PDB file of N, CA and C in Angstrom:
ATOM      1  N   VAL A   1       6.960 166.002  85.007  1.00  0.00           N
ATOM      2  CA  VAL A   1       7.141 164.813  85.819  1.00  0.00           C
ATOM      3  C   VAL A   1       8.321 165.008  86.764  1.00  0.00           C
ATOM      4  N   SER A   2       9.402 165.585  86.306  1.00  0.00           N
ATOM      5  CA  SER A   2      10.595 165.730  87.145  1.00  0.00           C
ATOM      6  C   SER A   2      10.330 166.590  88.371  1.00  0.00           C
ATOM      7  N   SER A   3       9.593 167.679  88.228  1.00  0.00           N
ATOM      8  CA  SER A   3       9.328 168.538  89.386  1.00  0.00           C
ATOM      9  C   SER A   3       8.430 167.825  90.397  1.00  0.00           C
ATOM     10  N   PHE A   4       7.459 167.048  89.924  1.00  0.00           N
ATOM     11  CA  PHE A   4       6.621 166.261  90.818  1.00  0.00           C
ATOM     12  C   PHE A   4       7.469 165.242  91.564  1.00  0.00           C
ATOM     13  N   LEU A   5       8.337 164.575  90.849  1.00  0.00           N
ATOM     14  CA  LEU A   5       9.208 163.568  91.440  1.00  0.00           C
ATOM     15  C   LEU A   5      10.113 164.192  92.503  1.00  0.00           C
ATOM     16  N   ILE A   6      10.709 165.306  92.186  1.00  0.00           N
ATOM     17  CA  ILE A   6      11.601 165.981  93.133  1.00  0.00           C
ATOM     18  C   ILE A   6      10.830 166.401  94.386  1.00  0.00           C
ATOM     19  N   SER A   7       9.611 166.867  94.220  1.00  0.00           N
ATOM     20  CA  SER A   7       8.776 167.242  95.354  1.00  0.00           C
ATOM     21  C   SER A   7       8.480 166.039  96.246  1.00  0.00           C
ATOM     22  N   MET A   8       8.129 164.920  95.653  1.00  0.00           N
ATOM     23  CA  MET A   8       7.828 163.709  96.420  1.00  0.00           C
ATOM     24  C   MET A   8       9.077 163.193  97.132  1.00  0.00           C
ATOM     25  N   VAL A   9      10.201 163.223  96.447  1.00  0.00           N
ATOM     26  CA  VAL A   9      11.458 162.769  97.043  1.00  0.00           C
ATOM     27  C   VAL A   9      11.824 163.660  98.224  1.00  0.00           C
ATOM     28  N   SER A  10      11.663 164.957  98.080  1.00  0.00           N
ATOM     29  CA  SER A  10      11.962 165.884  99.177  1.00  0.00           C
ATOM     30  C   SER A  10      11.082 165.587 100.388  1.00  0.00           C
ATOM     31  N   SER A  11       9.813 165.323 100.146  1.00  0.00           N
ATOM     32  CA  SER A  11       8.901 164.991 101.242  1.00  0.00           C
ATOM     33  C   SER A  11       9.333 163.715 101.948  1.00  0.00           C
ATOM     34  N   ALA A  12       9.691 162.702 101.177  1.00  0.00           N
ATOM     35  CA  ALA A  12      10.133 161.437 101.769  1.00  0.00           C
ATOM     36  C   ALA A  12      11.393 161.641 102.600  1.00  0.00           C
ATOM     37  N   ARG A  13      12.304 162.445 102.112  1.00  0.00           N
ATOM     38  CA  ARG A  13      13.549 162.699 102.856  1.00  0.00           C
ATOM     39  C   ARG A  13      13.272 163.390 104.181  1.00  0.00           C
ATOM     40  N   VAL A  14      12.366 164.353 104.178  1.00  0.00           N
ATOM     41  CA  VAL A  14      11.999 165.036 105.417  1.00  0.00           C
ATOM     42  C   VAL A  14      11.382 164.032 106.384  1.00  0.00           C
ATOM     43  N   LEU A  15      10.539 163.159 105.875  1.00  0.00           N
ATOM     44  CA  LEU A  15       9.901 162.145 106.719  1.00  0.00           C
ATOM     45  C   LEU A  15      10.910 161.146 107.271  1.00  0.00           C
ATOM     46  N   MET A  16      12.060 161.036 106.603  1.00  0.00           N
ATOM     47  CA  MET A  16      13.112 160.141 107.081  1.00  0.00           C
ATOM     48  C   MET A  16      14.166 160.886 107.895  1.00  0.00           C
ATOM     49  N   GLY A  17      13.862 162.128 108.276  1.00  0.00           N
ATOM     50  CA  GLY A  17      14.713 162.839 109.214  1.00  0.00           C
ATOM     51  C   GLY A  17      15.676 163.856 108.643  1.00  0.00           C
ATOM     52  N   GLU A  18      15.715 164.040 107.337  1.00  0.00           N
ATOM     53  CA  GLU A  18      16.608 165.057 106.780  1.00  0.00           C
ATOM     54  C   GLU A  18      16.023 166.438 107.024  1.00  0.00           C
ATOM     55  N   GLN A  19      16.888 167.376 107.334  1.00  0.00           N
ATOM     56  CA  GLN A  19      16.465 168.744 107.565  1.00  0.00           C
ATOM     57  C   GLN A  19      16.691 169.578 106.319  1.00  0.00           C
ATOM     58  N   ARG A  20      15.704 170.370 105.977  1.00  0.00           N
ATOM     59  CA  ARG A  20      15.873 171.302 104.852  1.00  0.00           C
ATOM     60  C   ARG A  20      16.658 172.528 105.297  1.00  0.00           C
ATOM     61  N   ASN A  21      16.399 172.943 106.506  1.00  0.00           N
ATOM     62  CA  ASN A  21      17.044 174.136 107.039  1.00  0.00           C
ATOM     63  C   ASN A  21      17.593 173.795 108.421  1.00  0.00           C
ATOM     64  N   PRO A  22      18.913 173.790 108.580  1.00  0.00           N
ATOM     65  CA  PRO A  22      19.504 173.427 109.874  1.00  0.00           C
ATOM     66  C   PRO A  22      19.108 174.365 111.017  1.00  0.00           C
ATOM     67  N   GLN A  23      18.593 175.543 110.707  1.00  0.00           N
ATOM     68  CA  GLN A  23      18.176 176.500 111.730  1.00  0.00           C
ATOM     69  C   GLN A  23      16.832 176.120 112.346  1.00  0.00           C
ATOM     70  N   GLN A  24      16.083 175.252 111.678  1.00  0.00           N
ATOM     71  CA  GLN A  24      14.772 174.843 112.178  1.00  0.00           C
ATOM     72  C   GLN A  24      14.865 173.463 112.805  1.00  0.00           C
ATOM     73  N   PRO A  25      13.998 173.186 113.780  1.00  0.00           N
ATOM     74  CA  PRO A  25      14.016 171.849 114.392  1.00  0.00           C
ATOM     75  C   PRO A  25      13.604 170.791 113.366  1.00  0.00           C
ATOM     76  N   SER A  26      14.193 169.617 113.505  1.00  0.00           N
ATOM     77  CA  SER A  26      13.854 168.558 112.564  1.00  0.00           C
ATOM     78  C   SER A  26      12.493 167.968 112.906  1.00  0.00           C
ATOM     79  N   MET A  27      11.852 167.449 111.896  1.00  0.00           N
ATOM     80  CA  MET A  27      10.565 166.791 112.092  1.00  0.00           C
ATOM     81  C   MET A  27      10.818 165.383 112.628  1.00  0.00           C
ATOM     82  N   PRO A  28       9.857 164.840 113.363  1.00  0.00           N
ATOM     83  CA  PRO A  28      10.030 163.466 113.825  1.00  0.00           C
ATOM     84  C   PRO A  28      10.006 162.501 112.643  1.00  0.00           C
ATOM     85  N   LEU A  29      10.692 161.394 112.811  1.00  0.00           N
ATOM     86  CA  LEU A  29      10.694 160.379 111.756  1.00  0.00           C
ATOM     87  C   LEU A  29       9.296 159.835 111.564  1.00  0.00           C
ATOM     88  N   ASN A  30       8.957 159.556 110.322  1.00  0.00           N
ATOM     89  CA  ASN A  30       7.682 158.933 110.009  1.00  0.00           C
ATOM     90  C   ASN A  30       7.952 157.904 108.918  1.00  0.00           C
ATOM     91  N   ARG A  31       8.521 156.772 109.331  1.00  0.00           N
ATOM     92  CA  ARG A  31       8.900 155.734 108.374  1.00  0.00           C
ATOM     93  C   ARG A  31       7.716 155.200 107.571  1.00  0.00           C
ATOM     94  N   PRO A  32       6.554 154.955 108.202  1.00  0.00           N
ATOM     95  CA  PRO A  32       5.432 154.429 107.407  1.00  0.00           C
ATOM     96  C   PRO A  32       5.019 155.369 106.267  1.00  0.00           C
ATOM     97  N   GLN A  33       4.973 156.655 106.548  1.00  0.00           N
ATOM     98  CA  GLN A  33       4.592 157.600 105.503  1.00  0.00           C
ATOM     99  C   GLN A  33       5.680 157.713 104.437  1.00  0.00           C
ATOM    100  N   ALA A  34       6.937 157.668 104.862  1.00  0.00           N
ATOM    101  CA  ALA A  34       8.041 157.692 103.896  1.00  0.00           C
ATOM    102  C   ALA A  34       7.954 156.470 102.982  1.00  0.00           C
ATOM    103  N   LYS A  35       7.655 155.313 103.571  1.00  0.00           N
ATOM    104  CA  LYS A  35       7.521 154.090 102.770  1.00  0.00           C
ATOM    105  C   LYS A  35       6.362 154.204 101.784  1.00  0.00           C
ATOM    106  N   GLU A  36       5.271 154.832 102.200  1.00  0.00           N
ATOM    107  CA  GLU A  36       4.140 155.032 101.291  1.00  0.00           C
ATOM    108  C   GLU A  36       4.558 155.855 100.071  1.00  0.00           C
ATOM    109  N   ILE A  37       5.351 156.884 100.298  1.00  0.00           N
ATOM    110  CA  ILE A  37       5.822 157.707  99.173  1.00  0.00           C
ATOM    111  C   ILE A  37       6.732 156.888  98.268  1.00  0.00           C
ATOM    112  N   ILE A  38       7.633 156.114  98.860  1.00  0.00           N
ATOM    113  CA  ILE A  38       8.525 155.273  98.056  1.00  0.00           C
ATOM    114  C   ILE A  38       7.719 154.271  97.247  1.00  0.00           C
ATOM    115  N   ASP A  39       6.710 153.661  97.868  1.00  0.00           N
ATOM    116  CA  ASP A  39       5.851 152.713  97.153  1.00  0.00           C
ATOM    117  C   ASP A  39       5.081 153.394  96.023  1.00  0.00           C
ATOM    118  N   LEU A  40       4.599 154.603  96.292  1.00  0.00           N
ATOM    119  CA  LEU A  40       3.879 155.365  95.265  1.00  0.00           C
ATOM    120  C   LEU A  40       4.797 155.675  94.085  1.00  0.00           C
ATOM    121  N   LEU A  41       6.021 156.097  94.381  1.00  0.00           N
ATOM    122  CA  LEU A  41       6.975 156.396  93.308  1.00  0.00           C
ATOM    123  C   LEU A  41       7.365 155.130  92.545  1.00  0.00           C
ATOM    124  N   SER A  42       7.445 154.009  93.232  1.00  0.00           N
ATOM    125  CA  SER A  42       7.738 152.733  92.565  1.00  0.00           C
ATOM    126  C   SER A  42       6.620 152.369  91.596  1.00  0.00           C
ATOM    127  N   MET A  43       5.378 152.569  92.043  1.00  0.00           N
ATOM    128  CA  MET A  43       4.229 152.306  91.167  1.00  0.00           C
ATOM    129  C   MET A  43       4.246 153.253  89.968  1.00  0.00           C
ATOM    130  N   LEU A  44       4.545 154.519  90.228  1.00  0.00           N
ATOM    131  CA  LEU A  44       4.622 155.497  89.144  1.00  0.00           C
ATOM    132  C   LEU A  44       5.705 155.108  88.144  1.00  0.00           C
ATOM    133  N   GLU A  45       6.832 154.611  88.656  1.00  0.00           N
ATOM    134  CA  GLU A  45       7.912 154.166  87.772  1.00  0.00           C
ATOM    135  C   GLU A  45       7.424 153.042  86.853  1.00  0.00           C
ATOM    136  N   GLU A  46       6.720 152.101  87.432  1.00  0.00           N
ATOM    137  CA  GLU A  46       6.219 150.962  86.653  1.00  0.00           C
ATOM    138  C   GLU A  46       5.157 151.396  85.638  1.00  0.00           C
ATOM    139  N   LYS A  47       4.243 152.242  86.067  1.00  0.00           N
ATOM    140  CA  LYS A  47       3.127 152.650  85.205  1.00  0.00           C
ATOM    141  C   LYS A  47       3.563 153.589  84.081  1.00  0.00           C
ATOM    142  N   THR A  48       4.675 154.286  84.254  1.00  0.00           N
ATOM    143  CA  THR A  48       5.123 155.217  83.207  1.00  0.00           C
ATOM    144  C   THR A  48       6.254 154.647  82.365  1.00  0.00           C
ATOM    145  N   LYS A  49       6.570 153.379  82.591  1.00  0.00           N
ATOM    146  CA  LYS A  49       7.643 152.743  81.825  1.00  0.00           C
ATOM    147  C   LYS A  49       7.354 152.873  80.332  1.00  0.00           C
ATOM    148  N   GLY A  50       8.339 153.323  79.588  1.00  0.00           N
ATOM    149  CA  GLY A  50       8.184 153.503  78.149  1.00  0.00           C
ATOM    150  C   GLY A  50       7.598 154.848  77.751  1.00  0.00           C
ATOM    151  N   ASN A  51       7.159 155.629  78.737  1.00  0.00           N
ATOM    152  CA  ASN A  51       6.555 156.932  78.447  1.00  0.00           C
ATOM    153  C   ASN A  51       7.349 158.100  79.025  1.00  0.00           C
ATOM    154  N   ARG A  52       8.555 157.812  79.520  1.00  0.00           N
ATOM    155  CA  ARG A  52       9.401 158.863  80.079  1.00  0.00           C
ATOM    156  C   ARG A  52      10.523 159.199  79.102  1.00  0.00           C
ATOM    157  N   THR A  53      10.976 160.444  79.200  1.00  0.00           N
ATOM    158  CA  THR A  53      12.143 160.834  78.407  1.00  0.00           C
ATOM    159  C   THR A  53      13.363 160.162  79.035  1.00  0.00           C
ATOM    160  N   PRO A  54      14.464 160.081  78.312  1.00  0.00           N
ATOM    161  CA  PRO A  54      15.676 159.510  78.909  1.00  0.00           C
ATOM    162  C   PRO A  54      16.102 160.241  80.187  1.00  0.00           C
ATOM    163  N   ASP A  55      15.986 161.559  80.198  1.00  0.00           N
ATOM    164  CA  ASP A  55      16.333 162.322  81.400  1.00  0.00           C
ATOM    165  C   ASP A  55      15.413 161.976  82.563  1.00  0.00           C
ATOM    166  N   GLU A  56      14.112 161.890  82.293  1.00  0.00           N
ATOM    167  CA  GLU A  56      13.156 161.526  83.337  1.00  0.00           C
ATOM    168  C   GLU A  56      13.427 160.122  83.864  1.00  0.00           C
ATOM    169  N   GLN A  57      13.812 159.247  82.983  1.00  0.00           N
ATOM    170  CA  GLN A  57      14.113 157.879  83.370  1.00  0.00           C
ATOM    171  C   GLN A  57      15.298 157.828  84.332  1.00  0.00           C
ATOM    172  N   VAL A  58      16.345 158.584  84.034  1.00  0.00           N
ATOM    173  CA  VAL A  58      17.531 158.621  84.887  1.00  0.00           C
ATOM    174  C   VAL A  58      17.193 159.238  86.249  1.00  0.00           C
ATOM    175  N   VAL A  59      16.454 160.344  86.239  1.00  0.00           N
ATOM    176  CA  VAL A  59      16.075 161.000  87.490  1.00  0.00           C
ATOM    177  C   VAL A  59      15.245 160.042  88.345  1.00  0.00           C
ATOM    178  N   MET A  60      14.271 159.391  87.750  1.00  0.00           N
ATOM    179  CA  MET A  60      13.407 158.461  88.475  1.00  0.00           C
ATOM    180  C   MET A  60      14.226 157.326  89.085  1.00  0.00           C
ATOM    181  N   LYS A  61      15.065 156.717  88.290  1.00  0.00           N
ATOM    182  CA  LYS A  61      15.862 155.577  88.747  1.00  0.00           C
ATOM    183  C   LYS A  61      16.797 155.987  89.880  1.00  0.00           C
ATOM    184  N   ASP A  62      17.533 157.076  89.691  1.00  0.00           N
ATOM    185  CA  ASP A  62      18.518 157.508  90.678  1.00  0.00           C
ATOM    186  C   ASP A  62      17.872 157.944  91.992  1.00  0.00           C
ATOM    187  N   MET A  63      16.801 158.701  91.901  1.00  0.00           N
ATOM    188  CA  MET A  63      16.157 159.190  93.119  1.00  0.00           C
ATOM    189  C   MET A  63      15.473 158.061  93.885  1.00  0.00           C
ATOM    190  N   LEU A  64      14.837 157.166  93.169  1.00  0.00           N
ATOM    191  CA  LEU A  64      14.208 156.034  93.842  1.00  0.00           C
ATOM    192  C   LEU A  64      15.248 155.150  94.519  1.00  0.00           C
ATOM    193  N   TYR A  65      16.355 154.935  93.860  1.00  0.00           N
ATOM    194  CA  TYR A  65      17.432 154.136  94.448  1.00  0.00           C
ATOM    195  C   TYR A  65      17.925 154.788  95.746  1.00  0.00           C
ATOM    196  N   ALA A  66      18.163 156.091  95.693  1.00  0.00           N
ATOM    197  CA  ALA A  66      18.662 156.805  96.872  1.00  0.00           C
ATOM    198  C   ALA A  66      17.659 156.734  98.023  1.00  0.00           C
ATOM    199  N   LEU A  67      16.381 156.904  97.723  1.00  0.00           N
ATOM    200  CA  LEU A  67      15.358 156.808  98.762  1.00  0.00           C
ATOM    201  C   LEU A  67      15.303 155.408  99.361  1.00  0.00           C
ATOM    202  N   ARG A  68      15.350 154.422  98.505  1.00  0.00           N
ATOM    203  CA  ARG A  68      15.291 153.040  99.001  1.00  0.00           C
ATOM    204  C   ARG A  68      16.483 152.729  99.899  1.00  0.00           C
ATOM    205  N   MET A  69      17.661 153.153  99.514  1.00  0.00           N
ATOM    206  CA  MET A  69      18.848 152.887 100.320  1.00  0.00           C
ATOM    207  C   MET A  69      18.779 153.619 101.663  1.00  0.00           C
ATOM    208  N   LYS A  70      18.294 154.849 101.650  1.00  0.00           N
ATOM    209  CA  LYS A  70      18.142 155.599 102.896  1.00  0.00           C
ATOM    210  C   LYS A  70      17.126 154.911 103.798  1.00  0.00           C
ATOM    211  N   PHE A  71      16.031 154.450 103.234  1.00  0.00           N
ATOM    212  CA  PHE A  71      15.007 153.768 104.020  1.00  0.00           C
ATOM    213  C   PHE A  71      15.560 152.475 104.618  1.00  0.00           C
ATOM    214  N   VAL A  72      16.293 151.719 103.829  1.00  0.00           N
ATOM    215  CA  VAL A  72      16.899 150.481 104.332  1.00  0.00           C
ATOM    216  C   VAL A  72      17.865 150.806 105.469  1.00  0.00           C
ATOM    217  N   SER A  73      18.635 151.852 105.304  1.00  0.00           N
ATOM    218  CA  SER A  73      19.575 152.255 106.342  1.00  0.00           C
ATOM    219  C   SER A  73      18.840 152.612 107.635  1.00  0.00           C
ATOM    220  N   LEU A  74      17.743 153.327 107.511  1.00  0.00           N
ATOM    221  CA  LEU A  74      16.958 153.697 108.696  1.00  0.00           C
ATOM    222  C   LEU A  74      16.347 152.483 109.375  1.00  0.00           C
ATOM    223  N   THR A  75      15.822 151.581 108.602  1.00  0.00           N
ATOM    224  CA  THR A  75      15.115 150.439 109.186  1.00  0.00           C
ATOM    225  C   THR A  75      16.067 149.356 109.674  1.00  0.00           C
ATOM    226  N   SER A  76      17.306 149.380 109.217  1.00  0.00           N
ATOM    227  CA  SER A  76      18.262 148.378 109.675  1.00  0.00           C
ATOM    228  C   SER A  76      19.050 148.856 110.888  1.00  0.00           C
ATOM    229  N   GLY A  77      18.812 150.093 111.305  1.00  0.00           N
ATOM    230  CA  GLY A  77      19.489 150.615 112.480  1.00  0.00           C
ATOM    231  C   GLY A  77      20.889 151.111 112.224  1.00  0.00           C
ATOM    232  N   LYS A  78      21.289 151.241 110.971  1.00  0.00           N
ATOM    233  CA  LYS A  78      22.640 151.687 110.648  1.00  0.00           C
ATOM    234  C   LYS A  78      22.702 153.173 110.332  1.00  0.00           C
ATOM    235  N   SER A  79      21.614 153.872 110.556  1.00  0.00           N
ATOM    236  CA  SER A  79      21.567 155.286 110.239  1.00  0.00           C
ATOM    237  C   SER A  79      22.349 156.100 111.266  1.00  0.00           C
ATOM    238  N   THR A  80      22.909 157.197 110.793  1.00  0.00           N
ATOM    239  CA  THR A  80      23.608 158.101 111.695  1.00  0.00           C
ATOM    240  C   THR A  80      22.682 159.200 112.182  1.00  0.00           C
ATOM    241  N   LEU A  81      21.413 159.145 111.788  1.00  0.00           N
ATOM    242  CA  LEU A  81      20.453 160.156 112.211  1.00  0.00           C
ATOM    243  C   LEU A  81      20.081 159.936 113.665  1.00  0.00           C
ATOM    244  N   HIS A  82      19.879 161.016 114.370  1.00  0.00           N
ATOM    245  CA  HIS A  82      19.438 160.945 115.756  1.00  0.00           C
ATOM    246  C   HIS A  82      17.921 160.831 115.773  1.00  0.00           C
ATOM    247  N   THR A  83      17.421 159.827 116.445  1.00  0.00           N
ATOM    248  CA  THR A  83      15.978 159.684 116.566  1.00  0.00           C
ATOM    249  C   THR A  83      15.592 159.856 118.025  1.00  0.00           C
ATOM    250  N   PRO A  84      14.705 160.816 118.308  1.00  0.00           N
ATOM    251  CA  PRO A  84      14.307 161.074 119.698  1.00  0.00           C
ATOM    252  C   PRO A  84      13.526 159.922 120.286  1.00  0.00           C
TER     253      PRO A  84
END
Protein backbone atom coordinates (compact mmCIF):
# COMPACT_ATOMS: atom_id res chain seq x y z
CA VAL A 1 0.00 0.00 0.00
CA SER A 2 2.78 2.47 0.86
CA SER A 3 4.49 2.20 -2.53
CA PHE A 4 1.16 2.71 -4.32
CA LEU A 5 0.44 5.71 -2.14
CA ILE A 6 3.86 7.23 -2.75
CA SER A 7 3.42 6.75 -6.50
CA MET A 8 0.03 8.49 -6.48
CA VAL A 9 1.34 11.33 -4.32
CA SER A 10 4.30 11.82 -6.67
CA SER A 11 1.95 12.01 -9.64
CA ALA A 12 -0.26 14.57 -7.90
CA ARG A 13 2.77 16.70 -7.03
CA VAL A 14 3.95 16.70 -10.64
CA LEU A 15 0.45 17.71 -11.73
CA MET A 16 0.64 20.58 -9.25
CA GLY A 17 3.87 21.86 -10.76
CA GLU A 18 6.64 20.21 -8.75
CA GLN A 19 9.64 19.14 -10.78
CA ARG A 20 11.27 15.77 -10.24
CA ASN A 21 14.38 16.80 -12.10
CA PRO A 22 15.33 20.49 -12.28
CA GLN A 23 17.21 19.80 -15.54
CA GLN A 24 13.95 18.95 -17.32
CA PRO A 25 11.17 21.40 -18.18
CA SER A 26 8.27 21.39 -15.77
CA MET A 27 4.93 19.98 -16.80
CA PRO A 28 1.98 22.35 -17.06
CA LEU A 29 -0.29 22.52 -14.06
CA ASN A 30 -3.27 20.22 -14.16
CA ARG A 31 -5.30 21.06 -11.06
CA PRO A 32 -8.39 19.01 -12.04
CA GLN A 33 -6.35 15.84 -12.44
CA ALA A 34 -4.41 16.54 -9.24
CA LYS A 35 -7.73 16.96 -7.42
CA GLU A 36 -8.94 13.64 -8.83
CA ILE A 37 -5.90 11.91 -7.35
CA ILE A 38 -6.43 13.62 -3.99
CA ASP A 39 -10.10 12.58 -4.04
CA LEU A 40 -9.13 9.01 -4.96
CA LEU A 41 -6.63 8.87 -2.09
CA SER A 42 -9.26 10.30 0.28
CA MET A 43 -11.66 7.54 -0.75
CA LEU A 44 -8.92 4.95 -0.32
CA GLU A 45 -8.23 6.33 3.16
CA GLU A 46 -11.88 5.95 4.10
CA LYS A 47 -12.31 2.49 2.56
CA THR A 48 -9.18 1.06 4.20
CA LYS A 49 -9.86 2.50 7.64
CA GLY A 50 -9.12 -0.18 10.23
CA ASN A 51 -7.20 -2.30 7.72
CA ARG A 52 -3.92 -0.38 7.61
CA THR A 53 -0.84 -0.91 9.71
CA PRO A 54 0.10 1.95 12.04
CA ASP A 55 2.91 2.92 9.66
CA GLU A 56 0.56 2.90 6.66
CA GLN A 57 -1.90 4.99 8.61
CA VAL A 58 0.73 7.65 9.39
CA VAL A 59 2.00 7.72 5.79
CA MET A 60 -1.55 8.04 4.43
CA LYS A 61 -2.52 10.80 6.84
CA ASP A 62 0.67 12.84 6.41
CA MET A 63 0.85 12.59 2.64
CA LEU A 64 -2.81 13.38 2.13
CA TYR A 65 -2.52 16.39 4.42
CA ALA A 66 0.50 17.68 2.49
CA LEU A 67 -1.27 17.23 -0.85
CA ARG A 68 -4.40 18.96 0.37
CA MET A 69 -2.44 21.93 1.70
CA LYS A 70 -0.48 22.25 -1.54
CA PHE A 71 -3.70 22.11 -3.55
CA VAL A 72 -5.32 24.76 -1.36
CA SER A 73 -2.24 26.93 -1.77
CA LEU A 74 -2.41 26.58 -5.55
CA THR A 75 -6.11 27.30 -5.79
CA SER A 76 -6.00 30.25 -3.41
CA GLY A 77 -3.32 32.00 -5.44
CA LYS A 78 -0.75 31.96 -2.64
CA SER A 79 1.58 29.55 -4.39
CA THR A 80 5.13 30.53 -5.20
CA LEU A 81 5.07 28.31 -8.28
CA HIS A 82 5.33 29.97 -11.65
CA THR A 83 2.38 29.19 -13.86
CA PRO A 84 2.74 29.94 -17.58
